Amino acid sequence: MADYLGLIFEILFLLAGIYIYLLSRGAIKGGIQTEFVKQNRNILRVLSIALIAIMSINVILHLSQLVS
């Protein structure tokens, strides 16, 4: 049961990274579209890509561990 809970949290962090990336690109207009997001678009974009990459690897490894 704990393995599935961990997988759910990994997927949630992956979705958060995707949301932050789209928000920093201006593809979506979120509720937190503040001056902070406008001023720090580049760093948010880089950090969200890093989060997406790390969480994608975690999800793939977690799924392969659950299957085997």
N, C-alpha and C. Protein backbone atom coordinates (compact mmCIF):
# COMPACT_ATOMS: atom_id res chain seq x y z
N MET A 1 0.82 -1.19 0.00
CA MET A 1 0.00 0.00 0.00
C MET A 1 0.87 1.27 0.00
N ALA A 2 1.99 1.21 0.73
CA ALA A 2 2.87 2.38 0.81
C ALA A 2 3.52 2.65 -0.54
N ASP A 3 3.74 1.60 -1.33
CA ASP A 3 4.33 1.80 -2.66
C ASP A 3 3.39 2.60 -3.55
N TYR A 4 2.12 2.31 -3.47
CA TYR A 4 1.15 3.04 -4.29
C TYR A 4 0.99 4.48 -3.82
N LEU A 5 1.08 4.68 -2.52
CA LEU A 5 1.01 6.04 -1.99
C LEU A 5 2.20 6.87 -2.46
N GLY A 6 3.38 6.26 -2.46
CA GLY A 6 4.56 6.95 -2.96
C GLY A 6 4.44 7.28 -4.43
N LEU A 7 3.89 6.36 -5.21
CA LEU A 7 3.68 6.59 -6.64
C LEU A 7 2.71 7.73 -6.88
N ILE A 8 1.67 7.80 -6.07
CA ILE A 8 0.70 8.89 -6.21
C ILE A 8 1.36 10.24 -5.94
N PHE A 9 2.20 10.31 -4.91
CA PHE A 9 2.89 11.57 -4.61
C PHE A 9 3.88 11.93 -5.70
N GLU A 10 4.55 10.95 -6.27
CA GLU A 10 5.48 11.22 -7.37
C GLU A 10 4.73 11.77 -8.59
N ILE A 11 3.58 11.23 -8.87
CA ILE A 11 2.78 11.72 -10.00
C ILE A 11 2.27 13.13 -9.71
N LEU A 12 1.89 13.40 -8.46
CA LEU A 12 1.44 14.75 -8.11
C LEU A 12 2.57 15.77 -8.28
N PHE A 13 3.79 15.42 -7.86
CA PHE A 13 4.92 16.32 -8.05
C PHE A 13 5.23 16.50 -9.53
N LEU A 14 5.08 15.45 -10.33
CA LEU A 14 5.28 15.57 -11.77
C LEU A 14 4.26 16.52 -12.38
N LEU A 15 3.01 16.40 -11.98
CA LEU A 15 1.97 17.31 -12.48
C LEU A 15 2.21 18.74 -12.02
N ALA A 16 2.73 18.92 -10.80
CA ALA A 16 3.06 20.27 -10.32
C ALA A 16 4.18 20.87 -11.17
N GLY A 17 5.17 20.07 -11.53
CA GLY A 17 6.24 20.56 -12.39
C GLY A 17 5.74 20.97 -13.75
N ILE A 18 4.82 20.18 -14.31
CA ILE A 18 4.24 20.51 -15.61
C ILE A 18 3.43 21.80 -15.51
N TYR A 19 2.68 21.96 -14.42
CA TYR A 19 1.88 23.18 -14.23
C TYR A 19 2.78 24.41 -14.12
N ILE A 20 3.85 24.31 -13.34
CA ILE A 20 4.76 25.45 -13.18
C ILE A 20 5.43 25.78 -14.50
N TYR A 21 5.79 24.76 -15.29
CA TYR A 21 6.40 25.01 -16.59
C TYR A 21 5.43 25.75 -17.51
N LEU A 22 4.20 25.27 -17.58
CA LEU A 22 3.22 25.93 -18.44
C LEU A 22 2.90 27.34 -17.95
N LEU A 23 2.90 27.53 -16.65
CA LEU A 23 2.65 28.85 -16.09
C LEU A 23 3.79 29.81 -16.43
N SER A 24 5.02 29.31 -16.36
CA SER A 24 6.16 30.18 -16.66
C SER A 24 6.26 30.50 -18.14
N ARG A 25 5.76 29.62 -18.99
CA ARG A 25 5.76 29.89 -20.43
C ARG A 25 4.62 30.81 -20.83
N GLY A 26 3.64 30.96 -19.98
CA GLY A 26 2.49 31.80 -20.30
C GLY A 26 1.41 31.04 -21.06
N ALA A 27 1.52 29.72 -21.12
CA ALA A 27 0.54 28.92 -21.84
C ALA A 27 -0.78 28.86 -21.09
N ILE A 28 -0.73 28.98 -19.77
CA ILE A 28 -1.95 29.02 -18.97
C ILE A 28 -1.88 30.25 -18.07
N LYS A 29 -3.00 30.76 -17.74
CA LYS A 29 -3.09 31.90 -16.84
C LYS A 29 -3.61 31.39 -15.50
N GLY A 30 -2.70 31.21 -14.56
CA GLY A 30 -3.08 30.67 -13.27
C GLY A 30 -3.46 31.75 -12.29
N GLY A 31 -3.94 31.29 -11.16
CA GLY A 31 -4.31 32.23 -10.11
C GLY A 31 -3.11 32.87 -9.45
N ILE A 32 -1.92 32.27 -9.61
CA ILE A 32 -0.73 32.82 -8.98
C ILE A 32 0.12 33.60 -9.97
N GLN A 33 -0.50 34.09 -11.02
CA GLN A 33 0.23 34.87 -12.04
C GLN A 33 0.53 36.24 -11.44
N THR A 34 1.53 36.28 -10.59
CA THR A 34 1.88 37.51 -9.89
C THR A 34 3.12 38.13 -10.51
N GLU A 35 3.55 39.19 -9.91
CA GLU A 35 4.77 39.86 -10.35
C GLU A 35 5.98 38.95 -10.17
N PHE A 36 5.94 38.10 -9.13
CA PHE A 36 7.04 37.16 -8.90
C PHE A 36 7.23 36.22 -10.09
N VAL A 37 6.14 35.69 -10.60
CA VAL A 37 6.22 34.77 -11.74
C VAL A 37 6.71 35.52 -12.98
N LYS A 38 6.26 36.73 -13.16
CA LYS A 38 6.67 37.50 -14.33
C LYS A 38 8.16 37.83 -14.29
N GLN A 39 8.68 38.13 -13.11
CA GLN A 39 10.08 38.50 -12.98
C GLN A 39 11.02 37.30 -13.05
N ASN A 40 10.54 36.13 -12.65
CA ASN A 40 11.41 34.96 -12.53
C ASN A 40 11.03 33.84 -13.50
N ARG A 41 10.57 34.20 -14.68
CA ARG A 41 10.15 33.19 -15.66
C ARG A 41 11.26 32.23 -16.03
N ASN A 42 12.46 32.74 -16.26
CA ASN A 42 13.56 31.88 -16.72
C ASN A 42 13.96 30.86 -15.67
N ILE A 43 14.11 31.30 -14.42
CA ILE A 43 14.52 30.36 -13.37
C ILE A 43 13.40 29.36 -13.08
N LEU A 44 12.15 29.81 -13.13
CA LEU A 44 11.03 28.88 -12.94
C LEU A 44 10.98 27.84 -14.05
N ARG A 45 11.28 28.25 -15.26
CA ARG A 45 11.28 27.33 -16.39
C ARG A 45 12.36 26.27 -16.22
N VAL A 46 13.57 26.68 -15.84
CA VAL A 46 14.67 25.73 -15.66
C VAL A 46 14.39 24.78 -14.50
N LEU A 47 13.92 25.32 -13.39
CA LEU A 47 13.63 24.48 -12.23
C LEU A 47 12.48 23.51 -12.49
N SER A 48 11.48 23.95 -13.22
CA SER A 48 10.36 23.06 -13.50
C SER A 48 10.77 21.95 -14.47
N ILE A 49 11.64 22.25 -15.43
CA ILE A 49 12.14 21.20 -16.32
C ILE A 49 12.95 20.18 -15.53
N ALA A 50 13.75 20.65 -14.57
CA ALA A 50 14.52 19.74 -13.73
C ALA A 50 13.58 18.87 -12.90
N LEU A 51 12.54 19.46 -12.34
CA LEU A 51 11.57 18.70 -11.55
C LEU A 51 10.85 17.67 -12.41
N ILE A 52 10.47 18.06 -13.62
CA ILE A 52 9.80 17.13 -14.54
C ILE A 52 10.73 15.96 -14.88
N ALA A 53 12.00 16.25 -15.14
CA ALA A 53 12.94 15.19 -15.50
C ALA A 53 13.15 14.23 -14.33
N ILE A 54 13.36 14.76 -13.15
CA ILE A 54 13.60 13.91 -11.98
C ILE A 54 12.37 13.07 -11.65
N MET A 55 11.21 13.69 -11.66
CA MET A 55 10.00 12.95 -11.30
C MET A 55 9.61 11.95 -12.37
N SER A 56 9.91 12.24 -13.64
CA SER A 56 9.64 11.25 -14.70
C SER A 56 10.48 10.00 -14.49
N ILE A 57 11.75 10.20 -14.16
CA ILE A 57 12.62 9.05 -13.90
C ILE A 57 12.12 8.28 -12.68
N ASN A 58 11.72 9.00 -11.63
CA ASN A 58 11.21 8.34 -10.43
C ASN A 58 9.96 7.53 -10.72
N VAL A 59 9.04 8.08 -11.50
CA VAL A 59 7.80 7.36 -11.81
C VAL A 59 8.11 6.12 -12.63
N ILE A 60 8.99 6.24 -13.62
CA ILE A 60 9.34 5.08 -14.44
C ILE A 60 10.00 3.99 -13.60
N LEU A 61 10.94 4.37 -12.75
CA LEU A 61 11.60 3.38 -11.90
C LEU A 61 10.63 2.77 -10.90
N HIS A 62 9.74 3.57 -10.36
CA HIS A 62 8.75 3.06 -9.41
C HIS A 62 7.80 2.08 -10.09
N LEU A 63 7.35 2.41 -11.30
CA LEU A 63 6.46 1.50 -12.00
C LEU A 63 7.18 0.19 -12.36
N SER A 64 8.44 0.28 -12.77
CA SER A 64 9.18 -0.94 -13.10
C SER A 64 9.40 -1.79 -11.86
N GLN A 65 9.56 -1.14 -10.70
CA GLN A 65 9.71 -1.89 -9.46
C GLN A 65 8.39 -2.56 -9.07
N LEU A 66 7.27 -1.90 -9.31
CA LEU A 66 5.98 -2.49 -8.96
C LEU A 66 5.63 -3.65 -9.89
N VAL A 67 6.03 -3.56 -11.15
CA VAL A 67 5.70 -4.61 -12.12
C VAL A 67 6.53 -5.87 -11.87
N SER A 68 7.79 -5.68 -11.52
CA SER A 68 8.66 -6.86 -11.34
C SER A 68 8.51 -7.49 -9.98
